[in-house]
PDB file of all heavy atoms in Angstrom:
ATOM      1  N   LEU A   1     -83.828-119.159-187.726  1.00  0.00           N
ATOM      2  CA  LEU A   1     -83.139-119.001-186.593  1.00  0.00           C
ATOM      3  C   LEU A   1     -82.136-117.865-186.791  1.00  0.00           C
ATOM      4  O   LEU A   1     -81.369-117.929-187.771  1.00  0.00           O
ATOM      5  CB  LEU A   1     -82.386-120.315-186.112  1.00  0.00           C
ATOM      6  CG  LEU A   1     -81.479-120.137-184.879  1.00  0.00           C
ATOM      7  CD1 LEU A   1     -82.160-119.770-183.724  1.00  0.00           C
ATOM      8  CD2 LEU A   1     -80.637-121.386-184.584  1.00  0.00           C
ATOM      9  N   VAL A   2     -82.141-116.854-185.953  1.00  0.00           N
ATOM     10  CA  VAL A   2     -81.277-115.687-186.050  1.00  0.00           C
ATOM     11  C   VAL A   2     -80.304-115.854-184.749  1.00  0.00           C
ATOM     12  O   VAL A   2     -80.920-115.697-183.765  1.00  0.00           O
ATOM     13  CB  VAL A   2     -82.165-114.328-186.164  1.00  0.00           C
ATOM     14  CG1 VAL A   2     -81.180-113.143-186.293  1.00  0.00           C
ATOM     15  CG2 VAL A   2     -83.101-114.364-187.250  1.00  0.00           C
ATOM     16  N   GLU A   3     -79.047-115.961-184.933  1.00  0.00           N
ATOM     17  CA  GLU A   3     -78.038-115.738-183.988  1.00  0.00           C
ATOM     18  C   GLU A   3     -77.433-114.540-184.092  1.00  0.00           C
ATOM     19  O   GLU A   3     -77.016-114.162-185.222  1.00  0.00           O
ATOM     20  CB  GLU A   3     -77.106-116.999-184.185  1.00  0.00           C
ATOM     21  CG  GLU A   3     -77.652-118.318-183.831  1.00  0.00           C
ATOM     22  CD  GLU A   3     -76.669-119.481-183.832  1.00  0.00           C
ATOM     23  OE1 GLU A   3     -75.884-119.462-184.872  1.00  0.00           O
ATOM     24  OE2 GLU A   3     -76.681-120.283-182.992  1.00  0.00           O
ATOM     25  N   TYR A   4     -77.339-113.698-183.102  1.00  0.00           N
ATOM     26  CA  TYR A   4     -76.725-112.468-183.155  1.00  0.00           C
ATOM     27  C   TYR A   4     -75.879-112.171-181.860  1.00  0.00           C
ATOM     28  O   TYR A   4     -76.098-112.767-180.827  1.00  0.00           O
ATOM     29  CB  TYR A   4     -77.821-111.421-183.221  1.00  0.00           C
ATOM     30  CG  TYR A   4     -78.757-111.237-182.004  1.00  0.00           C
ATOM     31  CD1 TYR A   4     -78.529-110.252-181.033  1.00  0.00           C
ATOM     32  CD2 TYR A   4     -79.787-112.131-181.876  1.00  0.00           C
ATOM     33  CE1 TYR A   4     -79.323-110.276-179.907  1.00  0.00           C
ATOM     34  CE2 TYR A   4     -80.652-112.065-180.760  1.00  0.00           C
ATOM     35  CZ  TYR A   4     -80.360-111.119-179.886  1.00  0.00           C
ATOM     36  OH  TYR A   4     -81.198-111.126-178.675  1.00  0.00           O
ATOM     37  N   ASP A   5     -74.824-111.411-182.068  1.00  0.00           N
ATOM     38  CA  ASP A   5     -73.909-111.080-181.079  1.00  0.00           C
ATOM     39  C   ASP A   5     -74.483-110.205-180.092  1.00  0.00           C
ATOM     40  O   ASP A   5     -75.301-109.313-180.263  1.00  0.00           O
ATOM     41  CB  ASP A   5     -72.724-110.290-181.812  1.00  0.00           C
ATOM     42  CG  ASP A   5     -71.530-110.289-180.996  1.00  0.00           C
ATOM     43  OD1 ASP A   5     -71.576-109.653-179.863  1.00  0.00           O
ATOM     44  OD2 ASP A   5     -70.502-110.629-181.506  1.00  0.00           O
ATOM     45  N   GLU A   6     -74.060-110.342-178.884  1.00  0.00           N
ATOM     46  CA  GLU A   6     -74.563-109.517-177.717  1.00  0.00           C
ATOM     47  C   GLU A   6     -74.321-108.017-177.954  1.00  0.00           C
ATOM     48  O   GLU A   6     -75.095-107.145-177.547  1.00  0.00           O
ATOM     49  CB  GLU A   6     -73.846-109.960-176.401  1.00  0.00           C
ATOM     50  CG  GLU A   6     -74.539-109.205-175.184  1.00  0.00           C
ATOM     51  CD  GLU A   6     -73.988-109.799-173.936  1.00  0.00           C
ATOM     52  OE1 GLU A   6     -72.693-110.273-173.906  1.00  0.00           O
ATOM     53  OE2 GLU A   6     -74.638-109.984-172.994  1.00  0.00           O
ATOM     54  N   ALA A   7     -73.398-107.601-178.812  1.00  0.00           N
ATOM     55  CA  ALA A   7     -73.144-106.262-179.157  1.00  0.00           C
ATOM     56  C   ALA A   7     -74.252-105.542-179.851  1.00  0.00           C
ATOM     57  O   ALA A   7     -74.340-104.354-179.916  1.00  0.00           O
ATOM     58  CB  ALA A   7     -71.812-106.032-179.962  1.00  0.00           C
ATOM     59  N   LEU A   8     -75.113-106.410-180.492  1.00  0.00           N
ATOM     60  CA  LEU A   8     -76.231-105.814-181.242  1.00  0.00           C
ATOM     61  C   LEU A   8     -77.519-105.736-180.296  1.00  0.00           C
ATOM     62  O   LEU A   8     -78.510-105.142-180.782  1.00  0.00           O
ATOM     63  CB  LEU A   8     -76.547-106.828-182.333  1.00  0.00           C
ATOM     64  CG  LEU A   8     -75.506-107.023-183.544  1.00  0.00           C
ATOM     65  CD1 LEU A   8     -75.901-107.950-184.513  1.00  0.00           C
ATOM     66  CD2 LEU A   8     -75.155-105.611-184.107  1.00  0.00           C
ATOM     67  N   GLN A   9     -77.438-106.247-179.195  1.00  0.00           N
ATOM     68  CA  GLN A   9     -78.685-106.312-178.281  1.00  0.00           C
ATOM     69  C   GLN A   9     -79.421-104.991-178.208  1.00  0.00           C
ATOM     70  O   GLN A   9     -80.597-105.021-178.304  1.00  0.00           O
ATOM     71  CB  GLN A   9     -78.253-106.841-176.932  1.00  0.00           C
ATOM     72  CG  GLN A   9     -79.363-107.076-175.912  1.00  0.00           C
ATOM     73  CD  GLN A   9     -80.018-108.462-176.095  1.00  0.00           C
ATOM     74  OE1 GLN A   9     -79.496-109.304-176.918  1.00  0.00           O
ATOM     75  NE2 GLN A   9     -81.098-108.623-175.483  1.00  0.00           N
ATOM     76  N   GLY A  10     -78.660-103.879-177.927  1.00  0.00           N
ATOM     77  CA  GLY A  10     -79.485-102.715-177.730  1.00  0.00           C
ATOM     78  C   GLY A  10     -79.988-101.956-179.020  1.00  0.00           C
ATOM     79  O   GLY A  10     -80.857-101.060-179.041  1.00  0.00           O
ATOM     80  N   SER A  11     -79.506-102.299-180.210  1.00  0.00           N
ATOM     81  CA  SER A  11     -79.859-101.584-181.394  1.00  0.00           C
ATOM     82  C   SER A  11     -80.504-102.496-182.490  1.00  0.00           C
ATOM     83  O   SER A  11     -80.978-102.014-183.439  1.00  0.00           O
ATOM     84  CB  SER A  11     -78.547-101.081-182.062  1.00  0.00           C
ATOM     85  OG  SER A  11     -77.639-102.119-182.296  1.00  0.00           O
ATOM     86  N   PHE A  12     -80.824-103.758-182.126  1.00  0.00           N
ATOM     87  CA  PHE A  12     -81.513-104.702-183.064  1.00  0.00           C
ATOM     88  C   PHE A  12     -82.930-104.946-182.650  1.00  0.00           C
ATOM     89  O   PHE A  12     -83.038-105.585-181.571  1.00  0.00           O
ATOM     90  CB  PHE A  12     -80.598-105.978-183.238  1.00  0.00           C
ATOM     91  CG  PHE A  12     -81.121-107.009-184.201  1.00  0.00           C
ATOM     92  CD1 PHE A  12     -81.608-106.693-185.307  1.00  0.00           C
ATOM     93  CD2 PHE A  12     -81.127-108.417-183.819  1.00  0.00           C
ATOM     94  CE1 PHE A  12     -82.094-107.639-186.197  1.00  0.00           C
ATOM     95  CE2 PHE A  12     -81.584-109.352-184.603  1.00  0.00           C
ATOM     96  CZ  PHE A  12     -82.076-108.965-185.782  1.00  0.00           C
ATOM     97  N   ASP A  13     -83.869-104.372-183.289  1.00  0.00           N
ATOM     98  CA  ASP A  13     -85.234-104.667-182.996  1.00  0.00           C
ATOM     99  C   ASP A  13     -85.741-105.935-183.601  1.00  0.00           C
ATOM    100  O   ASP A  13     -86.075-106.079-184.768  1.00  0.00           O
ATOM    101  CB  ASP A  13     -86.026-103.357-183.534  1.00  0.00           C
ATOM    102  CG  ASP A  13     -87.497-103.469-183.189  1.00  0.00           C
ATOM    103  OD1 ASP A  13     -88.044-104.597-182.804  1.00  0.00           O
ATOM    104  OD2 ASP A  13     -88.247-102.345-183.243  1.00  0.00           O
ATOM    105  N   ARG A  14     -85.637-106.918-182.740  1.00  0.00           N
ATOM    106  CA  ARG A  14     -85.886-108.312-183.304  1.00  0.00           C
ATOM    107  C   ARG A  14     -87.350-108.529-183.729  1.00  0.00           C
ATOM    108  O   ARG A  14     -87.613-109.117-184.707  1.00  0.00           O
ATOM    109  CB  ARG A  14     -85.512-109.239-182.131  1.00  0.00           C
ATOM    110  CG  ARG A  14     -84.042-109.183-181.877  1.00  0.00           C
ATOM    111  CD  ARG A  14     -83.654-110.252-180.609  1.00  0.00           C
ATOM    112  NE  ARG A  14     -84.307-109.949-179.396  1.00  0.00           N
ATOM    113  CZ  ARG A  14     -83.974-108.896-178.683  1.00  0.00           C
ATOM    114  NH1 ARG A  14     -82.970-108.007-178.837  1.00  0.00           N
ATOM    115  NH2 ARG A  14     -84.701-108.718-177.448  1.00  0.00           N
ATOM    116  N   ARG A  15     -88.407-107.979-182.962  1.00  0.00           N
ATOM    117  CA  ARG A  15     -89.652-108.185-183.426  1.00  0.00           C
ATOM    118  C   ARG A  15     -90.004-107.508-184.777  1.00  0.00           C
ATOM    119  O   ARG A  15     -90.591-108.226-185.664  1.00  0.00           O
ATOM    120  CB  ARG A  15     -90.663-107.637-182.413  1.00  0.00           C
ATOM    121  CG  ARG A  15     -92.182-107.783-182.747  1.00  0.00           C
ATOM    122  CD  ARG A  15     -93.026-107.592-181.533  1.00  0.00           C
ATOM    123  NE  ARG A  15     -94.390-107.638-181.926  1.00  0.00           N
ATOM    124  CZ  ARG A  15     -95.126-108.810-182.059  1.00  0.00           C
ATOM    125  NH1 ARG A  15     -94.485-109.852-181.999  1.00  0.00           N
ATOM    126  NH2 ARG A  15     -96.431-108.784-182.409  1.00  0.00           N
ATOM    127  N   ARG A  16     -89.644-106.283-184.903  1.00  0.00           N
ATOM    128  CA  ARG A  16     -89.767-105.544-186.182  1.00  0.00           C
ATOM    129  C   ARG A  16     -89.095-106.284-187.301  1.00  0.00           C
ATOM    130  O   ARG A  16     -89.549-106.577-188.494  1.00  0.00           O
ATOM    131  CB  ARG A  16     -89.246-104.185-186.171  1.00  0.00           C
ATOM    132  CG  ARG A  16     -89.712-103.344-187.324  1.00  0.00           C
ATOM    133  CD  ARG A  16     -89.280-101.928-187.147  1.00  0.00           C
ATOM    134  NE  ARG A  16     -87.806-101.918-187.309  1.00  0.00           N
ATOM    135  CZ  ARG A  16     -87.060-100.917-187.935  1.00  0.00           C
ATOM    136  NH1 ARG A  16     -87.752 -99.811-188.270  1.00  0.00           N
ATOM    137  NH2 ARG A  16     -85.881-100.978-188.158  1.00  0.00           N
ATOM    138  N   PHE A  17     -87.784-106.836-187.080  1.00  0.00           N
ATOM    139  CA  PHE A  17     -87.017-107.446-188.042  1.00  0.00           C
ATOM    140  C   PHE A  17     -87.830-108.878-188.500  1.00  0.00           C
ATOM    141  O   PHE A  17     -88.014-109.102-189.758  1.00  0.00           O
ATOM    142  CB  PHE A  17     -85.620-107.984-187.539  1.00  0.00           C
ATOM    143  CG  PHE A  17     -84.956-108.799-188.586  1.00  0.00           C
ATOM    144  CD1 PHE A  17     -84.237-108.393-189.579  1.00  0.00           C
ATOM    145  CD2 PHE A  17     -84.791-110.267-188.235  1.00  0.00           C
ATOM    146  CE1 PHE A  17     -83.481-109.102-190.452  1.00  0.00           C
ATOM    147  CE2 PHE A  17     -84.130-111.078-189.101  1.00  0.00           C
ATOM    148  CZ  PHE A  17     -83.524-110.556-190.249  1.00  0.00           C
ATOM    149  N   ALA A  18     -88.386-109.584-187.606  1.00  0.00           N
ATOM    150  CA  ALA A  18     -89.156-110.839-187.863  1.00  0.00           C
ATOM    151  C   ALA A  18     -90.314-110.560-188.642  1.00  0.00           C
ATOM    152  O   ALA A  18     -90.624-111.290-189.644  1.00  0.00           O
ATOM    153  CB  ALA A  18     -89.432-111.547-186.564  1.00  0.00           C
ATOM    154  N   LEU A  19     -91.015-109.585-188.355  1.00  0.00           N
ATOM    155  CA  LEU A  19     -92.239-109.202-189.079  1.00  0.00           C
ATOM    156  C   LEU A  19     -91.906-108.906-190.499  1.00  0.00           C
ATOM    157  O   LEU A  19     -92.610-109.201-191.458  1.00  0.00           O
ATOM    158  CB  LEU A  19     -93.041-108.100-188.396  1.00  0.00           C
ATOM    159  CG  LEU A  19     -93.665-108.517-186.992  1.00  0.00           C
ATOM    160  CD1 LEU A  19     -94.264-107.328-186.304  1.00  0.00           C
ATOM    161  CD2 LEU A  19     -94.587-109.628-187.072  1.00  0.00           C
ATOM    162  N   GLU A  20     -90.955-108.020-190.770  1.00  0.00           N
ATOM    163  CA  GLU A  20     -90.459-107.686-191.953  1.00  0.00           C
ATOM    164  C   GLU A  20     -89.932-108.915-192.870  1.00  0.00           C
ATOM    165  O   GLU A  20     -90.174-109.031-193.995  1.00  0.00           O
ATOM    166  CB  GLU A  20     -89.502-106.493-192.013  1.00  0.00           C
ATOM    167  CG  GLU A  20     -90.045-105.271-191.615  1.00  0.00           C
ATOM    168  CD  GLU A  20     -88.938-104.124-191.494  1.00  0.00           C
ATOM    169  OE1 GLU A  20     -87.961-104.195-192.364  1.00  0.00           O
ATOM    170  OE2 GLU A  20     -89.148-103.150-190.840  1.00  0.00           O
ATOM    171  N   LEU A  21     -89.276-109.808-192.055  1.00  0.00           N
ATOM    172  CA  LEU A  21     -88.623-111.053-192.634  1.00  0.00           C
ATOM    173  C   LEU A  21     -89.759-111.886-193.218  1.00  0.00           C
ATOM    174  O   LEU A  21     -89.718-112.457-194.250  1.00  0.00           O
ATOM    175  CB  LEU A  21     -87.769-111.624-191.639  1.00  0.00           C
ATOM    176  CG  LEU A  21     -87.129-113.031-192.016  1.00  0.00           C
ATOM    177  CD1 LEU A  21     -86.233-112.813-193.290  1.00  0.00           C
ATOM    178  CD2 LEU A  21     -86.324-113.603-190.848  1.00  0.00           C
ATOM    179  N   HIS A  22     -90.839-112.012-192.337  1.00  0.00           N
ATOM    180  CA  HIS A  22     -91.875-113.016-192.754  1.00  0.00           C
ATOM    181  C   HIS A  22     -92.594-112.467-193.992  1.00  0.00           C
ATOM    182  O   HIS A  22     -92.958-113.198-195.010  1.00  0.00           O
ATOM    183  CB  HIS A  22     -92.893-113.149-191.712  1.00  0.00           C
ATOM    184  CG  HIS A  22     -92.416-113.671-190.485  1.00  0.00           C
ATOM    185  ND1 HIS A  22     -93.124-113.740-189.272  1.00  0.00           N
ATOM    186  CD2 HIS A  22     -91.203-114.350-190.135  1.00  0.00           C
ATOM    187  CE1 HIS A  22     -92.327-114.193-188.282  1.00  0.00           C
ATOM    188  NE2 HIS A  22     -91.247-114.676-188.747  1.00  0.00           N
ATOM    189  N   SER A  23     -92.736-111.079-194.059  1.00  0.00           N
ATOM    190  CA  SER A  23     -93.358-110.521-195.274  1.00  0.00           C
ATOM    191  C   SER A  23     -92.443-110.691-196.498  1.00  0.00           C
ATOM    192  O   SER A  23     -92.996-111.050-197.617  1.00  0.00           O
ATOM    193  CB  SER A  23     -93.716-109.064-195.081  1.00  0.00           C
ATOM    194  OG  SER A  23     -94.225-108.445-196.123  1.00  0.00           O
ATOM    195  N   LEU A  24     -91.150-110.507-196.310  1.00  0.00           N
ATOM    196  CA  LEU A  24     -90.272-110.573-197.290  1.00  0.00           C
ATOM    197  C   LEU A  24     -90.181-112.142-197.920  1.00  0.00           C
ATOM    198  O   LEU A  24     -90.239-112.404-199.112  1.00  0.00           O
ATOM    199  CB  LEU A  24     -88.824-110.255-196.956  1.00  0.00           C
ATOM    200  CG  LEU A  24     -87.576-110.531-197.840  1.00  0.00           C
ATOM    201  CD1 LEU A  24     -87.613-109.508-198.887  1.00  0.00           C
ATOM    202  CD2 LEU A  24     -86.344-110.454-197.040  1.00  0.00           C
ATOM    203  N   ALA A  25     -90.217-113.079-196.980  1.00  0.00           N
ATOM    204  CA  ALA A  25     -90.261-114.521-197.369  1.00  0.00           C
ATOM    205  C   ALA A  25     -91.544-114.725-198.211  1.00  0.00           C
ATOM    206  O   ALA A  25     -91.298-115.576-199.233  1.00  0.00           O
ATOM    207  CB  ALA A  25     -90.163-115.367-196.110  1.00  0.00           C
ATOM    208  N   ALA A  26     -92.672-114.353-197.846  1.00  0.00           N
ATOM    209  CA  ALA A  26     -93.827-114.573-198.529  1.00  0.00           C
ATOM    210  C   ALA A  26     -93.834-114.023-199.882  1.00  0.00           C
ATOM    211  O   ALA A  26     -94.451-114.553-200.789  1.00  0.00           O
ATOM    212  CB  ALA A  26     -95.067-114.099-197.790  1.00  0.00           C
ATOM    213  N   LYS A  27     -93.209-112.848-200.117  1.00  0.00           N
ATOM    214  CA  LYS A  27     -93.111-112.192-201.359  1.00  0.00           C
ATOM    215  C   LYS A  27     -92.149-112.831-202.304  1.00  0.00           C
ATOM    216  O   LYS A  27     -92.310-112.805-203.534  1.00  0.00           O
ATOM    217  CB  LYS A  27     -92.819-110.761-201.155  1.00  0.00           C
ATOM    218  CG  LYS A  27     -93.822-109.713-200.599  1.00  0.00           C
ATOM    219  CD  LYS A  27     -93.414-108.258-200.673  1.00  0.00           C
ATOM    220  CE  LYS A  27     -93.597-107.707-199.371  1.00  0.00           C
ATOM    221  NZ  LYS A  27     -93.104-106.428-199.128  1.00  0.00           N
ATOM    222  N   THR A  28     -91.077-113.343-201.700  1.00  0.00           N
ATOM    223  CA  THR A  28     -89.966-113.860-202.502  1.00  0.00           C
ATOM    224  C   THR A  28     -90.261-115.254-202.962  1.00  0.00           C
ATOM    225  O   THR A  28     -89.672-115.608-204.020  1.00  0.00           O
ATOM    226  CB  THR A  28     -88.638-113.660-201.606  1.00  0.00           C
ATOM    227  OG1 THR A  28     -88.529-112.312-201.111  1.00  0.00           O
ATOM    228  CG2 THR A  28     -87.400-114.150-202.462  1.00  0.00           C
ATOM    229  N   VAL A  29     -90.751-116.083-202.118  1.00  0.00           N
ATOM    230  CA  VAL A  29     -90.919-117.599-202.505  1.00  0.00           C
ATOM    231  C   VAL A  29     -92.385-118.011-202.443  1.00  0.00           C
ATOM    232  O   VAL A  29     -93.088-117.844-201.473  1.00  0.00           O
ATOM    233  CB  VAL A  29     -90.128-118.379-201.361  1.00  0.00           C
ATOM    234  CG1 VAL A  29     -90.294-119.858-201.754  1.00  0.00           C
ATOM    235  CG2 VAL A  29     -88.621-117.977-201.260  1.00  0.00           C
ATOM    236  N   ASP A  30     -92.798-118.394-203.716  1.00  0.00           N
ATOM    237  CA  ASP A  30     -94.129-118.959-203.790  1.00  0.00           C
ATOM    238  C   ASP A  30     -94.350-120.050-202.840  1.00  0.00           C
ATOM    239  O   ASP A  30     -93.511-121.002-202.606  1.00  0.00           O
ATOM    240  CB  ASP A  30     -94.439-119.428-205.126  1.00  0.00           C
ATOM    241  CG  ASP A  30     -94.459-118.366-206.225  1.00  0.00           C
ATOM    242  OD1 ASP A  30     -95.002-117.186-205.791  1.00  0.00           O
ATOM    243  OD2 ASP A  30     -94.391-118.512-207.361  1.00  0.00           O
ATOM    244  N   GLY A  31     -95.501-120.110-202.195  1.00  0.00           N
ATOM    245  CA  GLY A  31     -95.779-121.259-201.282  1.00  0.00           C
ATOM    246  C   GLY A  31     -95.376-120.990-199.894  1.00  0.00           C
ATOM    247  O   GLY A  31     -95.619-121.811-199.041  1.00  0.00           O
ATOM    248  N   ILE A  32     -94.907-119.857-199.523  1.00  0.00           N
ATOM    249  CA  ILE A  32     -94.587-119.491-198.071  1.00  0.00           C
ATOM    250  C   ILE A  32     -95.526-118.442-197.698  1.00  0.00           C
ATOM    251  O   ILE A  32     -95.341-117.312-198.068  1.00  0.00           O
ATOM    252  CB  ILE A  32     -93.118-119.069-197.873  1.00  0.00           C
ATOM    253  CG1 ILE A  32     -92.085-119.960-198.180  1.00  0.00           C
ATOM    254  CG2 ILE A  32     -92.943-118.356-196.437  1.00  0.00           C
ATOM    255  CD1 ILE A  32     -90.752-119.691-198.048  1.00  0.00           C
ATOM    256  N   PRO A  33     -96.654-118.878-196.927  1.00  0.00           N
ATOM    257  CA  PRO A  33     -97.549-117.909-196.425  1.00  0.00           C
ATOM    258  C   PRO A  33     -96.986-117.324-195.150  1.00  0.00           C
ATOM    259  O   PRO A  33     -96.211-117.953-194.333  1.00  0.00           O
ATOM    260  CB  PRO A  33     -98.795-118.606-196.173  1.00  0.00           C
ATOM    261  CG  PRO A  33     -98.311-120.104-195.970  1.00  0.00           C
ATOM    262  CD  PRO A  33     -97.078-120.217-196.671  1.00  0.00           C
ATOM    263  N   ILE A  34     -97.287-116.086-194.877  1.00  0.00           N
ATOM    264  CA  ILE A  34     -96.730-115.363-193.577  1.00  0.00           C
ATOM    265  C   ILE A  34     -97.128-116.106-192.389  1.00  0.00           C
ATOM    266  O   ILE A  34     -96.417-116.284-191.471  1.00  0.00           O
ATOM    267  CB  ILE A  34     -97.310-113.878-193.525  1.00  0.00           C
ATOM    268  CG1 ILE A  34     -96.629-112.968-194.591  1.00  0.00           C
ATOM    269  CG2 ILE A  34     -97.042-113.335-192.135  1.00  0.00           C
ATOM    270  CD1 ILE A  34     -97.240-111.664-194.680  1.00  0.00           C
ATOM    271  N   GLU A  35     -98.323-116.730-192.554  1.00  0.00           N
ATOM    272  CA  GLU A  35     -98.928-117.567-191.341  1.00  0.00           C
ATOM    273  C   GLU A  35     -98.017-118.757-190.912  1.00  0.00           C
ATOM    274  O   GLU A  35     -98.116-119.295-189.815  1.00  0.00           O
ATOM    275  CB  GLU A  35    -100.237-117.889-191.500  1.00  0.00           C
ATOM    276  CG  GLU A  35    -101.320-116.752-191.712  1.00  0.00           C
ATOM    277  CD  GLU A  35    -101.178-116.102-192.960  1.00  0.00           C
ATOM    278  OE1 GLU A  35    -100.683-116.679-193.960  1.00  0.00           O
ATOM    279  OE2 GLU A  35    -101.748-114.965-193.073  1.00  0.00           O
ATOM    280  N   SER A  36     -97.183-119.198-191.803  1.00  0.00           N
ATOM    281  CA  SER A  36     -96.408-120.373-191.441  1.00  0.00           C
ATOM    282  C   SER A  36     -94.981-120.056-191.054  1.00  0.00           C
ATOM    283  O   SER A  36     -94.194-120.885-190.703  1.00  0.00           O
ATOM    284  CB  SER A  36     -96.287-121.225-192.651  1.00  0.00           C
ATOM    285  OG  SER A  36     -95.521-120.621-193.674  1.00  0.00           O
ATOM    286  N   CYS A  37     -94.599-118.709-191.099  1.00  0.00           N
ATOM    287  CA  CYS A  37     -93.300-118.278-190.666  1.00  0.00           C
ATOM    288  C   CYS A  37     -93.049-118.342-189.232  1.00  0.00           C
ATOM    289  O   CYS A  37     -93.940-117.856-188.491  1.00  0.00           O
ATOM    290  CB  CYS A  37     -93.007-116.984-191.308  1.00  0.00           C
ATOM    291  SG  CYS A  37     -92.985-116.858-192.971  1.00  0.00           S
ATOM    292  N   LYS A  38     -91.975-118.811-188.673  1.00  0.00           N
ATOM    293  CA  LYS A  38     -91.632-118.955-187.330  1.00  0.00           C
ATOM    294  C   LYS A  38     -90.137-118.483-187.174  1.00  0.00           C
ATOM    295  O   LYS A  38     -89.210-119.137-187.785  1.00  0.00           O
ATOM    296  CB  LYS A  38     -91.671-120.276-186.761  1.00  0.00           C
ATOM    297  CG  LYS A  38     -93.116-120.974-187.025  1.00  0.00           C
ATOM    298  CD  LYS A  38     -92.998-122.481-186.887  1.00  0.00           C
ATOM    299  CE  LYS A  38     -93.940-123.237-187.586  1.00  0.00           C
ATOM    300  NZ  LYS A  38     -94.051-122.904-189.089  1.00  0.00           N
ATOM    301  N   THR A  39     -89.925-117.388-186.427  1.00  0.00           N
ATOM    302  CA  THR A  39     -88.599-116.996-186.170  1.00  0.00           C
ATOM    303  C   THR A  39     -88.291-117.007-184.786  1.00  0.00           C
ATOM    304  O   THR A  39     -88.925-116.536-183.852  1.00  0.00           O
ATOM    305  CB  THR A  39     -88.403-115.429-186.705  1.00  0.00           C
ATOM    306  OG1 THR A  39     -88.654-115.578-188.083  1.00  0.00           O
ATOM    307  CG2 THR A  39     -87.056-115.038-186.438  1.00  0.00           C
ATOM    308  N   ARG A  40     -86.987-117.601-184.457  1.00  0.00           N
ATOM    309  CA  ARG A  40     -86.502-117.650-183.160  1.00  0.00           C
ATOM    310  C   ARG A  40     -85.152-116.814-183.152  1.00  0.00           C
ATOM    311  O   ARG A  40     -84.492-116.753-184.138  1.00  0.00           O
ATOM    312  CB  ARG A  40     -86.055-119.101-182.826  1.00  0.00           C
ATOM    313  CG  ARG A  40     -87.285-120.114-182.600  1.00  0.00           C
ATOM    314  CD  ARG A  40     -86.865-121.327-182.546  1.00  0.00           C
ATOM    315  NE  ARG A  40     -86.094-121.678-183.693  1.00  0.00           N
ATOM    316  CZ  ARG A  40     -85.679-122.914-184.096  1.00  0.00           C
ATOM    317  NH1 ARG A  40     -85.967-123.963-183.386  1.00  0.00           N
ATOM    318  NH2 ARG A  40     -84.938-123.009-185.254  1.00  0.00           N
ATOM    319  N   PHE A  41     -84.840-116.275-182.056  1.00  0.00           N
ATOM    320  CA  PHE A  41     -83.649-115.398-181.775  1.00  0.00           C
ATOM    321  C   PHE A  41     -82.866-115.997-180.736  1.00  0.00           C
ATOM    322  O   PHE A  41     -83.257-116.476-179.820  1.00  0.00           O
ATOM    323  CB  PHE A  41     -84.015-113.965-181.501  1.00  0.00           C
ATOM    324  CG  PHE A  41     -84.683-113.258-182.624  1.00  0.00           C
ATOM    325  CD1 PHE A  41     -86.083-113.247-182.802  1.00  0.00           C
ATOM    326  CD2 PHE A  41     -84.018-112.633-183.571  1.00  0.00           C
ATOM    327  CE1 PHE A  41     -86.771-112.559-183.808  1.00  0.00           C
ATOM    328  CE2 PHE A  41     -84.633-112.043-184.676  1.00  0.00           C
ATOM    329  CZ  PHE A  41     -85.901-111.952-184.689  1.00  0.00           C
ATOM    330  N   ARG A  42     -81.425-116.136-181.004  1.00  0.00           N
ATOM    331  CA  ARG A  42     -80.582-116.641-180.010  1.00  0.00           C
ATOM    332  C   ARG A  42     -79.442-115.592-179.955  1.00  0.00           C
ATOM    333  O   ARG A  42     -78.678-115.331-180.908  1.00  0.00           O
ATOM    334  CB  ARG A  42     -80.078-117.928-180.402  1.00  0.00           C
ATOM    335  CG  ARG A  42     -79.127-118.560-179.380  1.00  0.00           C
ATOM    336  CD  ARG A  42     -78.604-119.889-179.811  1.00  0.00           C
ATOM    337  NE  ARG A  42     -79.739-120.711-179.957  1.00  0.00           N
ATOM    338  CZ  ARG A  42     -79.716-121.778-180.870  1.00  0.00           C
ATOM    339  NH1 ARG A  42     -78.712-122.015-181.671  1.00  0.00           N
ATOM    340  NH2 ARG A  42     -80.705-122.630-180.992  1.00  0.00           N
ATOM    341  N   CYS A  43     -79.332-114.882-178.691  1.00  0.00           N
ATOM    342  CA  CYS A  43     -78.155-113.873-178.431  1.00  0.00           C
ATOM    343  C   CYS A  43     -76.941-114.773-178.010  1.00  0.00           C
ATOM    344  O   CYS A  43     -77.173-115.650-177.187  1.00  0.00           O
ATOM    345  CB  CYS A  43     -78.658-112.919-177.404  1.00  0.00           C
ATOM    346  SG  CYS A  43     -77.310-111.903-177.072  1.00  0.00           S
ATOM    347  N   VAL A  44     -75.953-114.574-178.732  1.00  0.00           N
ATOM    348  CA  VAL A  44     -74.632-115.315-178.507  1.00  0.00           C
ATOM    349  C   VAL A  44     -73.912-114.441-177.527  1.00  0.00           C
ATOM    350  O   VAL A  44     -73.544-113.323-177.735  1.00  0.00           O
ATOM    351  CB  VAL A  44     -73.880-115.462-179.799  1.00  0.00           C
ATOM    352  CG1 VAL A  44     -72.480-116.235-179.561  1.00  0.00           C
ATOM    353  CG2 VAL A  44     -74.685-116.208-180.860  1.00  0.00           C
ATOM    354  N   ASP A  45     -73.550-115.028-176.348  1.00  0.00           N
ATOM    355  CA  ASP A  45     -72.897-114.386-175.323  1.00  0.00           C
ATOM    356  C   ASP A  45     -71.514-113.939-175.823  1.00  0.00           C
ATOM    357  O   ASP A  45     -70.998-112.842-175.327  1.00  0.00           O
ATOM    358  CB  ASP A  45     -72.744-115.231-174.152  1.00  0.00           C
ATOM    359  CG  ASP A  45     -74.095-115.563-173.384  1.00  0.00           C
ATOM    360  OD1 ASP A  45     -74.929-114.700-173.599  1.00  0.00           O
ATOM    361  OD2 ASP A  45     -74.146-116.528-172.781  1.00  0.00           O
TER     362      ASP A  45
END
């Protein structure tokens, strides 16, 4: 779960971040396949 300030809305590419995050998790921790990663975003008003 990624909670982010509304001030980041226009400059934070959430999809690209999630895809890179999933790859990073799979490389960093044994037993985490990319296919099992799920990322949700919540903009904080």
